[in-house]
Amino acid sequence: VLKGAFEQLKKLEIPFEAHVYSAH
C-alpha cells in the first residue's frame, strides 16, 4: 500500500525513512 507514498516522496526529492512499529 505504501509504494505510492514512496514514489511521490522520491519524485519530490523528499528524504524519508520507513519503519515497522505496531501500536499494540
mmCIF file of all heavy atoms, coordinates in Angstrom:
data_MODEL
# 
_entry.id   MODEL 
# 
loop_
_atom_site.group_PDB 
_atom_site.id 
_atom_site.type_symbol 
_atom_site.label_atom_id 
_atom_site.label_alt_id 
_atom_site.label_comp_id 
_atom_site.label_asym_id 
_atom_site.label_entity_id 
_atom_site.label_seq_id 
_atom_site.pdbx_PDB_ins_code 
_atom_site.Cartn_x 
_atom_site.Cartn_y 
_atom_site.Cartn_z 
_atom_site.occupancy 
_atom_site.B_iso_or_equiv 
_atom_site.pdbx_formal_charge 
_atom_site.auth_seq_id 
_atom_site.auth_comp_id 
_atom_site.auth_asym_id 
_atom_site.auth_atom_id 
_atom_site.pdbx_PDB_model_num 
ATOM 1   N N   . VAL A 1 1  ? 0.834  -1.199 0.000   1.00 0.00 ? 1  VAL A N   1 
ATOM 2   C CA  . VAL A 1 1  ? 0.000  0.000  0.000   1.00 0.00 ? 1  VAL A CA  1 
ATOM 3   C C   . VAL A 1 1  ? 0.871  1.253  0.000   1.00 0.00 ? 1  VAL A C   1 
ATOM 4   O O   . VAL A 1 1  ? 0.534  2.256  -0.629  1.00 0.00 ? 1  VAL A O   1 
ATOM 5   C CB  . VAL A 1 1  ? -0.940 0.000  1.227   1.00 0.00 ? 1  VAL A CB  1 
ATOM 6   C CG1 . VAL A 1 1  ? -1.640 1.342  1.391   1.00 0.00 ? 1  VAL A CG1 1 
ATOM 7   C CG2 . VAL A 1 1  ? -1.951 -1.124 1.123   1.00 0.00 ? 1  VAL A CG2 1 
ATOM 8   N N   . LEU A 1 2  ? 1.998  1.198  0.666   1.00 0.00 ? 2  LEU A N   1 
ATOM 9   C CA  . LEU A 1 2  ? 2.840  2.378  0.843   1.00 0.00 ? 2  LEU A CA  1 
ATOM 10  C C   . LEU A 1 2  ? 3.711  2.715  -0.358  1.00 0.00 ? 2  LEU A C   1 
ATOM 11  O O   . LEU A 1 2  ? 4.332  3.777  -0.387  1.00 0.00 ? 2  LEU A O   1 
ATOM 12  C CB  . LEU A 1 2  ? 3.703  2.207  2.092   1.00 0.00 ? 2  LEU A CB  1 
ATOM 13  C CG  . LEU A 1 2  ? 2.881  2.242  3.380   1.00 0.00 ? 2  LEU A CG  1 
ATOM 14  C CD1 . LEU A 1 2  ? 3.736  1.874  4.570   1.00 0.00 ? 2  LEU A CD1 1 
ATOM 15  C CD2 . LEU A 1 2  ? 2.251  3.598  3.562   1.00 0.00 ? 2  LEU A CD2 1 
ATOM 16  N N   . LYS A 1 3  ? 3.743  1.858  -1.353  1.00 0.00 ? 3  LYS A N   1 
ATOM 17  C CA  . LYS A 1 3  ? 4.580  2.144  -2.531  1.00 0.00 ? 3  LYS A CA  1 
ATOM 18  C C   . LYS A 1 3  ? 4.212  3.471  -3.188  1.00 0.00 ? 3  LYS A C   1 
ATOM 19  O O   . LYS A 1 3  ? 5.078  4.197  -3.658  1.00 0.00 ? 3  LYS A O   1 
ATOM 20  C CB  . LYS A 1 3  ? 4.515  0.986  -3.518  1.00 0.00 ? 3  LYS A CB  1 
ATOM 21  C CG  . LYS A 1 3  ? 5.264  -0.222 -2.997  1.00 0.00 ? 3  LYS A CG  1 
ATOM 22  C CD  . LYS A 1 3  ? 5.352  -1.340 -3.991  1.00 0.00 ? 3  LYS A CD  1 
ATOM 23  C CE  . LYS A 1 3  ? 6.158  -2.459 -3.341  1.00 0.00 ? 3  LYS A CE  1 
ATOM 24  N NZ  . LYS A 1 3  ? 6.292  -3.610 -4.169  1.00 0.00 ? 3  LYS A NZ  1 
ATOM 25  N N   . GLY A 1 4  ? 2.928  3.815  -3.194  1.00 0.00 ? 4  GLY A N   1 
ATOM 26  C CA  . GLY A 1 4  ? 2.506  5.098  -3.761  1.00 0.00 ? 4  GLY A CA  1 
ATOM 27  C C   . GLY A 1 4  ? 3.094  6.274  -3.003  1.00 0.00 ? 4  GLY A C   1 
ATOM 28  O O   . GLY A 1 4  ? 3.457  7.296  -3.601  1.00 0.00 ? 4  GLY A O   1 
ATOM 29  N N   . ALA A 1 5  ? 3.206  6.150  -1.695  1.00 0.00 ? 5  ALA A N   1 
ATOM 30  C CA  . ALA A 1 5  ? 3.827  7.217  -0.891  1.00 0.00 ? 5  ALA A CA  1 
ATOM 31  C C   . ALA A 1 5  ? 5.305  7.321  -1.205  1.00 0.00 ? 5  ALA A C   1 
ATOM 32  O O   . ALA A 1 5  ? 5.835  8.424  -1.391  1.00 0.00 ? 5  ALA A O   1 
ATOM 33  C CB  . ALA A 1 5  ? 3.618  6.945  0.601   1.00 0.00 ? 5  ALA A CB  1 
ATOM 34  N N   . PHE A 1 6  ? 5.976  6.182  -1.264  1.00 0.00 ? 6  PHE A N   1 
ATOM 35  C CA  . PHE A 1 6  ? 7.414  6.198  -1.551  1.00 0.00 ? 6  PHE A CA  1 
ATOM 36  C C   . PHE A 1 6  ? 7.689  6.836  -2.908  1.00 0.00 ? 6  PHE A C   1 
ATOM 37  O O   . PHE A 1 6  ? 8.615  7.632  -3.053  1.00 0.00 ? 6  PHE A O   1 
ATOM 38  C CB  . PHE A 1 6  ? 7.999  4.789  -1.511  1.00 0.00 ? 6  PHE A CB  1 
ATOM 39  C CG  . PHE A 1 6  ? 7.826  4.072  -0.193  1.00 0.00 ? 6  PHE A CG  1 
ATOM 40  C CD1 . PHE A 1 6  ? 7.657  2.702  -0.171  1.00 0.00 ? 6  PHE A CD1 1 
ATOM 41  C CD2 . PHE A 1 6  ? 7.817  4.757  1.010   1.00 0.00 ? 6  PHE A CD2 1 
ATOM 42  C CE1 . PHE A 1 6  ? 7.503  2.027  1.039   1.00 0.00 ? 6  PHE A CE1 1 
ATOM 43  C CE2 . PHE A 1 6  ? 7.658  4.100  2.225   1.00 0.00 ? 6  PHE A CE2 1 
ATOM 44  C CZ  . PHE A 1 6  ? 7.502  2.721  2.236   1.00 0.00 ? 6  PHE A CZ  1 
ATOM 45  N N   . GLU A 1 7  ? 6.872  6.495  -3.902  1.00 0.00 ? 7  GLU A N   1 
ATOM 46  C CA  . GLU A 1 7  ? 7.057  7.055  -5.249  1.00 0.00 ? 7  GLU A CA  1 
ATOM 47  C C   . GLU A 1 7  ? 6.905  8.578  -5.237  1.00 0.00 ? 7  GLU A C   1 
ATOM 48  O O   . GLU A 1 7  ? 7.706  9.292  -5.850  1.00 0.00 ? 7  GLU A O   1 
ATOM 49  C CB  . GLU A 1 7  ? 6.057  6.433  -6.225  1.00 0.00 ? 7  GLU A CB  1 
ATOM 50  C CG  . GLU A 1 7  ? 6.344  4.989  -6.547  1.00 0.00 ? 7  GLU A CG  1 
ATOM 51  C CD  . GLU A 1 7  ? 5.221  4.307  -7.324  1.00 0.00 ? 7  GLU A CD  1 
ATOM 52  O OE1 . GLU A 1 7  ? 4.282  5.008  -7.778  1.00 0.00 ? 7  GLU A OE1 1 
ATOM 53  O OE2 . GLU A 1 7  ? 5.283  3.072  -7.467  1.00 0.00 ? 7  GLU A OE2 1 
ATOM 54  N N   . GLN A 1 8  ? 5.873  9.078  -4.555  1.00 0.00 ? 8  GLN A N   1 
ATOM 55  C CA  . GLN A 1 8  ? 5.657  10.526 -4.505  1.00 0.00 ? 8  GLN A CA  1 
ATOM 56  C C   . GLN A 1 8  ? 6.795  11.232 -3.775  1.00 0.00 ? 8  GLN A C   1 
ATOM 57  O O   . GLN A 1 8  ? 7.268  12.280 -4.211  1.00 0.00 ? 8  GLN A O   1 
ATOM 58  C CB  . GLN A 1 8  ? 4.318  10.846 -3.823  1.00 0.00 ? 8  GLN A CB  1 
ATOM 59  C CG  . GLN A 1 8  ? 3.105  10.480 -4.627  1.00 0.00 ? 8  GLN A CG  1 
ATOM 60  C CD  . GLN A 1 8  ? 2.996  11.273 -5.920  1.00 0.00 ? 8  GLN A CD  1 
ATOM 61  O OE1 . GLN A 1 8  ? 3.468  12.405 -6.038  1.00 0.00 ? 8  GLN A OE1 1 
ATOM 62  N NE2 . GLN A 1 8  ? 2.372  10.680 -6.910  1.00 0.00 ? 8  GLN A NE2 1 
ATOM 63  N N   . LEU A 1 9  ? 7.217  10.674 -2.653  1.00 0.00 ? 9  LEU A N   1 
ATOM 64  C CA  . LEU A 1 9  ? 8.305  11.298 -1.897  1.00 0.00 ? 9  LEU A CA  1 
ATOM 65  C C   . LEU A 1 9  ? 9.598  11.321 -2.703  1.00 0.00 ? 9  LEU A C   1 
ATOM 66  O O   . LEU A 1 9  ? 10.323 12.325 -2.714  1.00 0.00 ? 9  LEU A O   1 
ATOM 67  C CB  . LEU A 1 9  ? 8.501  10.574 -0.564  1.00 0.00 ? 9  LEU A CB  1 
ATOM 68  C CG  . LEU A 1 9  ? 7.337  10.718 0.426   1.00 0.00 ? 9  LEU A CG  1 
ATOM 69  C CD1 . LEU A 1 9  ? 7.483  9.730  1.582   1.00 0.00 ? 9  LEU A CD1 1 
ATOM 70  C CD2 . LEU A 1 9  ? 7.213  12.145 0.928   1.00 0.00 ? 9  LEU A CD2 1 
ATOM 71  N N   . LYS A 1 10 ? 9.878  10.229 -3.411  1.00 0.00 ? 10 LYS A N   1 
ATOM 72  C CA  . LYS A 1 10 ? 11.079 10.196 -4.267  1.00 0.00 ? 10 LYS A CA  1 
ATOM 73  C C   . LYS A 1 10 ? 10.972 11.211 -5.399  1.00 0.00 ? 10 LYS A C   1 
ATOM 74  O O   . LYS A 1 10 ? 11.939 11.918 -5.696  1.00 0.00 ? 10 LYS A O   1 
ATOM 75  C CB  . LYS A 1 10 ? 11.286 8.795  -4.833  1.00 0.00 ? 10 LYS A CB  1 
ATOM 76  C CG  . LYS A 1 10 ? 11.775 7.793  -3.818  1.00 0.00 ? 10 LYS A CG  1 
ATOM 77  C CD  . LYS A 1 10 ? 11.871 6.404  -4.418  1.00 0.00 ? 10 LYS A CD  1 
ATOM 78  C CE  . LYS A 1 10 ? 12.232 5.368  -3.370  1.00 0.00 ? 10 LYS A CE  1 
ATOM 79  N NZ  . LYS A 1 10 ? 12.215 3.991  -3.915  1.00 0.00 ? 10 LYS A NZ  1 
ATOM 80  N N   . LYS A 1 11 ? 9.808  11.275 -6.031  1.00 0.00 ? 11 LYS A N   1 
ATOM 81  C CA  . LYS A 1 11 ? 9.593  12.198 -7.145  1.00 0.00 ? 11 LYS A CA  1 
ATOM 82  C C   . LYS A 1 11 ? 9.825  13.647 -6.699  1.00 0.00 ? 11 LYS A C   1 
ATOM 83  O O   . LYS A 1 11 ? 10.380 14.454 -7.452  1.00 0.00 ? 11 LYS A O   1 
ATOM 84  C CB  . LYS A 1 11 ? 8.167  12.034 -7.682  1.00 0.00 ? 11 LYS A CB  1 
ATOM 85  C CG  . LYS A 1 11 ? 7.890  12.781 -8.961  1.00 0.00 ? 11 LYS A CG  1 
ATOM 86  C CD  . LYS A 1 11 ? 6.434  12.635 -9.415  1.00 0.00 ? 11 LYS A CD  1 
ATOM 87  C CE  . LYS A 1 11 ? 6.055  11.205 -9.615  1.00 0.00 ? 11 LYS A CE  1 
ATOM 88  N NZ  . LYS A 1 11 ? 4.673  11.048 -10.128 1.00 0.00 ? 11 LYS A NZ  1 
ATOM 89  N N   . LEU A 1 12 ? 9.422  13.955 -5.484  1.00 0.00 ? 12 LEU A N   1 
ATOM 90  C CA  . LEU A 1 12 ? 9.582  15.311 -4.963  1.00 0.00 ? 12 LEU A CA  1 
ATOM 91  C C   . LEU A 1 12 ? 10.920 15.521 -4.242  1.00 0.00 ? 12 LEU A C   1 
ATOM 92  O O   . LEU A 1 12 ? 11.173 16.597 -3.711  1.00 0.00 ? 12 LEU A O   1 
ATOM 93  C CB  . LEU A 1 12 ? 8.423  15.629 -4.011  1.00 0.00 ? 12 LEU A CB  1 
ATOM 94  C CG  . LEU A 1 12 ? 7.067  15.769 -4.690  1.00 0.00 ? 12 LEU A CG  1 
ATOM 95  C CD1 . LEU A 1 12 ? 5.943  15.731 -3.670  1.00 0.00 ? 12 LEU A CD1 1 
ATOM 96  C CD2 . LEU A 1 12 ? 7.018  17.050 -5.512  1.00 0.00 ? 12 LEU A CD2 1 
ATOM 97  N N   . GLU A 1 13 ? 11.747 14.476 -4.232  1.00 0.00 ? 13 GLU A N   1 
ATOM 98  C CA  . GLU A 1 13 ? 13.074 14.511 -3.614  1.00 0.00 ? 13 GLU A CA  1 
ATOM 99  C C   . GLU A 1 13 ? 13.006 14.870 -2.126  1.00 0.00 ? 13 GLU A C   1 
ATOM 100 O O   . GLU A 1 13 ? 13.821 15.634 -1.613  1.00 0.00 ? 13 GLU A O   1 
ATOM 101 C CB  . GLU A 1 13 ? 13.998 15.463 -4.375  1.00 0.00 ? 13 GLU A CB  1 
ATOM 102 C CG  . GLU A 1 13 ? 14.200 15.054 -5.821  1.00 0.00 ? 13 GLU A CG  1 
ATOM 103 C CD  . GLU A 1 13 ? 15.024 16.035 -6.620  1.00 0.00 ? 13 GLU A CD  1 
ATOM 104 O OE1 . GLU A 1 13 ? 14.858 17.268 -6.436  1.00 0.00 ? 13 GLU A OE1 1 
ATOM 105 O OE2 . GLU A 1 13 ? 15.844 15.572 -7.427  1.00 0.00 ? 13 GLU A OE2 1 
ATOM 106 N N   . ILE A 1 14 ? 12.015 14.297 -1.454  1.00 0.00 ? 14 ILE A N   1 
ATOM 107 C CA  . ILE A 1 14 ? 11.862 14.496 -0.014  1.00 0.00 ? 14 ILE A CA  1 
ATOM 108 C C   . ILE A 1 14 ? 12.515 13.317 0.689   1.00 0.00 ? 14 ILE A C   1 
ATOM 109 O O   . ILE A 1 14 ? 12.166 12.163 0.425   1.00 0.00 ? 14 ILE A O   1 
ATOM 110 C CB  . ILE A 1 14 ? 10.372 14.589 0.375   1.00 0.00 ? 14 ILE A CB  1 
ATOM 111 C CG1 . ILE A 1 14 ? 9.732  15.807 -0.289  1.00 0.00 ? 14 ILE A CG1 1 
ATOM 112 C CG2 . ILE A 1 14 ? 10.214 14.635 1.896   1.00 0.00 ? 14 ILE A CG2 1 
ATOM 113 C CD1 . ILE A 1 14 ? 8.228  15.878 -0.118  1.00 0.00 ? 14 ILE A CD1 1 
ATOM 114 N N   . PRO A 1 15 ? 13.454 13.581 1.576   1.00 0.00 ? 15 PRO A N   1 
ATOM 115 C CA  . PRO A 1 15 ? 14.077 12.464 2.304   1.00 0.00 ? 15 PRO A CA  1 
ATOM 116 C C   . PRO A 1 15 ? 13.057 11.812 3.236   1.00 0.00 ? 15 PRO A C   1 
ATOM 117 O O   . PRO A 1 15 ? 12.231 12.501 3.845   1.00 0.00 ? 15 PRO A O   1 
ATOM 118 C CB  . PRO A 1 15 ? 15.203 13.129 3.092   1.00 0.00 ? 15 PRO A CB  1 
ATOM 119 C CG  . PRO A 1 15 ? 14.840 14.568 3.180   1.00 0.00 ? 15 PRO A CG  1 
ATOM 120 C CD  . PRO A 1 15 ? 13.988 14.882 1.981   1.00 0.00 ? 15 PRO A CD  1 
ATOM 121 N N   . PHE A 1 16 ? 13.117 10.484 3.313   1.00 0.00 ? 16 PHE A N   1 
ATOM 122 C CA  . PHE A 1 16 ? 12.185 9.778  4.179   1.00 0.00 ? 16 PHE A CA  1 
ATOM 123 C C   . PHE A 1 16 ? 12.812 8.501  4.704   1.00 0.00 ? 16 PHE A C   1 
ATOM 124 O O   . PHE A 1 16 ? 13.794 8.004  4.162   1.00 0.00 ? 16 PHE A O   1 
ATOM 125 C CB  . PHE A 1 16 ? 10.873 9.466  3.453   1.00 0.00 ? 16 PHE A CB  1 
ATOM 126 C CG  . PHE A 1 16 ? 10.980 8.462  2.341   1.00 0.00 ? 16 PHE A CG  1 
ATOM 127 C CD1 . PHE A 1 16 ? 10.746 7.104  2.574   1.00 0.00 ? 16 PHE A CD1 1 
ATOM 128 C CD2 . PHE A 1 16 ? 11.318 8.855  1.059   1.00 0.00 ? 16 PHE A CD2 1 
ATOM 129 C CE1 . PHE A 1 16 ? 10.841 6.178  1.550   1.00 0.00 ? 16 PHE A CE1 1 
ATOM 130 C CE2 . PHE A 1 16 ? 11.412 7.942  0.025   1.00 0.00 ? 16 PHE A CE2 1 
ATOM 131 C CZ  . PHE A 1 16 ? 11.179 6.590  0.276   1.00 0.00 ? 16 PHE A CZ  1 
ATOM 132 N N   . GLU A 1 17 ? 12.236 8.019  5.772   1.00 0.00 ? 17 GLU A N   1 
ATOM 133 C CA  . GLU A 1 17 ? 12.587 6.719  6.334   1.00 0.00 ? 17 GLU A CA  1 
ATOM 134 C C   . GLU A 1 17 ? 11.309 5.926  6.488   1.00 0.00 ? 17 GLU A C   1 
ATOM 135 O O   . GLU A 1 17 ? 10.250 6.497  6.762   1.00 0.00 ? 17 GLU A O   1 
ATOM 136 C CB  . GLU A 1 17 ? 13.228 6.871  7.720   1.00 0.00 ? 17 GLU A CB  1 
ATOM 137 C CG  . GLU A 1 17 ? 14.591 7.495  7.713   1.00 0.00 ? 17 GLU A CG  1 
ATOM 138 C CD  . GLU A 1 17 ? 15.192 7.596  9.111   1.00 0.00 ? 17 GLU A CD  1 
ATOM 139 O OE1 . GLU A 1 17 ? 14.678 6.930  10.053  1.00 0.00 ? 17 GLU A OE1 1 
ATOM 140 O OE2 . GLU A 1 17 ? 16.165 8.337  9.263   1.00 0.00 ? 17 GLU A OE2 1 
ATOM 141 N N   . ALA A 1 18 ? 11.401 4.628  6.339   1.00 0.00 ? 18 ALA A N   1 
ATOM 142 C CA  . ALA A 1 18 ? 10.268 3.736  6.560   1.00 0.00 ? 18 ALA A CA  1 
ATOM 143 C C   . ALA A 1 18 ? 10.612 2.779  7.695   1.00 0.00 ? 18 ALA A C   1 
ATOM 144 O O   . ALA A 1 18 ? 11.759 2.313  7.795   1.00 0.00 ? 18 ALA A O   1 
ATOM 145 C CB  . ALA A 1 18 ? 9.943  2.958  5.291   1.00 0.00 ? 18 ALA A CB  1 
ATOM 146 N N   . HIS A 1 19 ? 9.637  2.532  8.555   1.00 0.00 ? 19 HIS A N   1 
ATOM 147 C CA  . HIS A 1 19 ? 9.822  1.649  9.703   1.00 0.00 ? 19 HIS A CA  1 
ATOM 148 C C   . HIS A 1 19 ? 8.563  0.840  9.949   1.00 0.00 ? 19 HIS A C   1 
ATOM 149 O O   . HIS A 1 19 ? 7.468  1.241  9.537   1.00 0.00 ? 19 HIS A O   1 
ATOM 150 C CB  . HIS A 1 19 ? 10.136 2.460  10.967  1.00 0.00 ? 19 HIS A CB  1 
ATOM 151 C CG  . HIS A 1 19 ? 11.392 3.248  10.881  1.00 0.00 ? 19 HIS A CG  1 
ATOM 152 N ND1 . HIS A 1 19 ? 12.628 2.698  11.133  1.00 0.00 ? 19 HIS A ND1 1 
ATOM 153 C CD2 . HIS A 1 19 ? 11.607 4.551  10.563  1.00 0.00 ? 19 HIS A CD2 1 
ATOM 154 C CE1 . HIS A 1 19 ? 13.559 3.632  10.975  1.00 0.00 ? 19 HIS A CE1 1 
ATOM 155 N NE2 . HIS A 1 19 ? 12.962 4.766  10.626  1.00 0.00 ? 19 HIS A NE2 1 
ATOM 156 N N   . VAL A 1 20 ? 8.712  -0.280 10.637  1.00 0.00 ? 20 VAL A N   1 
ATOM 157 C CA  . VAL A 1 20 ? 7.582  -1.088 11.101  1.00 0.00 ? 20 VAL A CA  1 
ATOM 158 C C   . VAL A 1 20 ? 7.536  -0.964 12.615  1.00 0.00 ? 20 VAL A C   1 
ATOM 159 O O   . VAL A 1 20 ? 8.469  -1.375 13.307  1.00 0.00 ? 20 VAL A O   1 
ATOM 160 C CB  . VAL A 1 20 ? 7.725  -2.573 10.702  1.00 0.00 ? 20 VAL A CB  1 
ATOM 161 C CG1 . VAL A 1 20 ? 6.569  -3.392 11.259  1.00 0.00 ? 20 VAL A CG1 1 
ATOM 162 C CG2 . VAL A 1 20 ? 7.828  -2.735 9.196   1.00 0.00 ? 20 VAL A CG2 1 
ATOM 163 N N   . TYR A 1 21 ? 6.464  -0.351 13.111  1.00 0.00 ? 21 TYR A N   1 
ATOM 164 C CA  . TYR A 1 21 ? 6.182  -0.275 14.540  1.00 0.00 ? 21 TYR A CA  1 
ATOM 165 C C   . TYR A 1 21 ? 4.695  -0.511 14.724  1.00 0.00 ? 21 TYR A C   1 
ATOM 166 O O   . TYR A 1 21 ? 3.886  0.074  14.012  1.00 0.00 ? 21 TYR A O   1 
ATOM 167 C CB  . TYR A 1 21 ? 6.540  1.090  15.141  1.00 0.00 ? 21 TYR A CB  1 
ATOM 168 C CG  . TYR A 1 21 ? 8.007  1.418  15.146  1.00 0.00 ? 21 TYR A CG  1 
ATOM 169 C CD1 . TYR A 1 21 ? 8.488  2.535  14.482  1.00 0.00 ? 21 TYR A CD1 1 
ATOM 170 C CD2 . TYR A 1 21 ? 8.911  0.613  15.816  1.00 0.00 ? 21 TYR A CD2 1 
ATOM 171 C CE1 . TYR A 1 21 ? 9.836  2.850  14.481  1.00 0.00 ? 21 TYR A CE1 1 
ATOM 172 C CE2 . TYR A 1 21 ? 10.272 0.916  15.826  1.00 0.00 ? 21 TYR A CE2 1 
ATOM 173 C CZ  . TYR A 1 21 ? 10.720 2.027  15.158  1.00 0.00 ? 21 TYR A CZ  1 
ATOM 174 O OH  . TYR A 1 21 ? 12.049 2.335  15.164  1.00 0.00 ? 21 TYR A OH  1 
ATOM 175 N N   . SER A 1 22 ? 4.360  -1.320 15.674  1.00 0.00 ? 22 SER A N   1 
ATOM 176 C CA  . SER A 1 22 ? 2.962  -1.619 15.948  1.00 0.00 ? 22 SER A CA  1 
ATOM 177 C C   . SER A 1 22 ? 2.509  -0.882 17.199  1.00 0.00 ? 22 SER A C   1 
ATOM 178 O O   . SER A 1 22 ? 3.219  -0.869 18.213  1.00 0.00 ? 22 SER A O   1 
ATOM 179 C CB  . SER A 1 22 ? 2.795  -3.130 16.146  1.00 0.00 ? 22 SER A CB  1 
ATOM 180 O OG  . SER A 1 22 ? 1.528  -3.429 16.678  1.00 0.00 ? 22 SER A OG  1 
ATOM 181 N N   . ALA A 1 23 ? 1.314  -0.295 17.133  1.00 0.00 ? 23 ALA A N   1 
ATOM 182 C CA  . ALA A 1 23 ? 0.751  0.367  18.307  1.00 0.00 ? 23 ALA A CA  1 
ATOM 183 C C   . ALA A 1 23 ? 0.512  -0.630 19.430  1.00 0.00 ? 23 ALA A C   1 
ATOM 184 O O   . ALA A 1 23 ? 0.552  -0.263 20.607  1.00 0.00 ? 23 ALA A O   1 
ATOM 185 C CB  . ALA A 1 23 ? -0.562 1.060  17.941  1.00 0.00 ? 23 ALA A CB  1 
ATOM 186 N N   . HIS A 1 24 ? 0.303  -1.897 19.067  1.00 0.00 ? 24 HIS A N   1 
ATOM 187 C CA  . HIS A 1 24 ? -0.044 -2.913 20.059  1.00 0.00 ? 24 HIS A CA  1 
ATOM 188 C C   . HIS A 1 24 ? 1.098  -3.873 20.376  1.00 0.00 ? 24 HIS A C   1 
ATOM 189 O O   . HIS A 1 24 ? 1.239  -4.314 21.507  1.00 0.00 ? 24 HIS A O   1 
ATOM 190 C CB  . HIS A 1 24 ? -1.258 -3.714 19.574  1.00 0.00 ? 24 HIS A CB  1 
ATOM 191 C CG  . HIS A 1 24 ? -2.413 -2.822 19.247  1.00 0.00 ? 24 HIS A CG  1 
ATOM 192 N ND1 . HIS A 1 24 ? -2.823 -2.595 17.954  1.00 0.00 ? 24 HIS A ND1 1 
ATOM 193 C CD2 . HIS A 1 24 ? -3.216 -2.079 20.044  1.00 0.00 ? 24 HIS A CD2 1 
ATOM 194 C CE1 . HIS A 1 24 ? -3.850 -1.759 17.970  1.00 0.00 ? 24 HIS A CE1 1 
ATOM 195 N NE2 . HIS A 1 24 ? -4.116 -1.429 19.220  1.00 0.00 ? 24 HIS A NE2 1 
# 
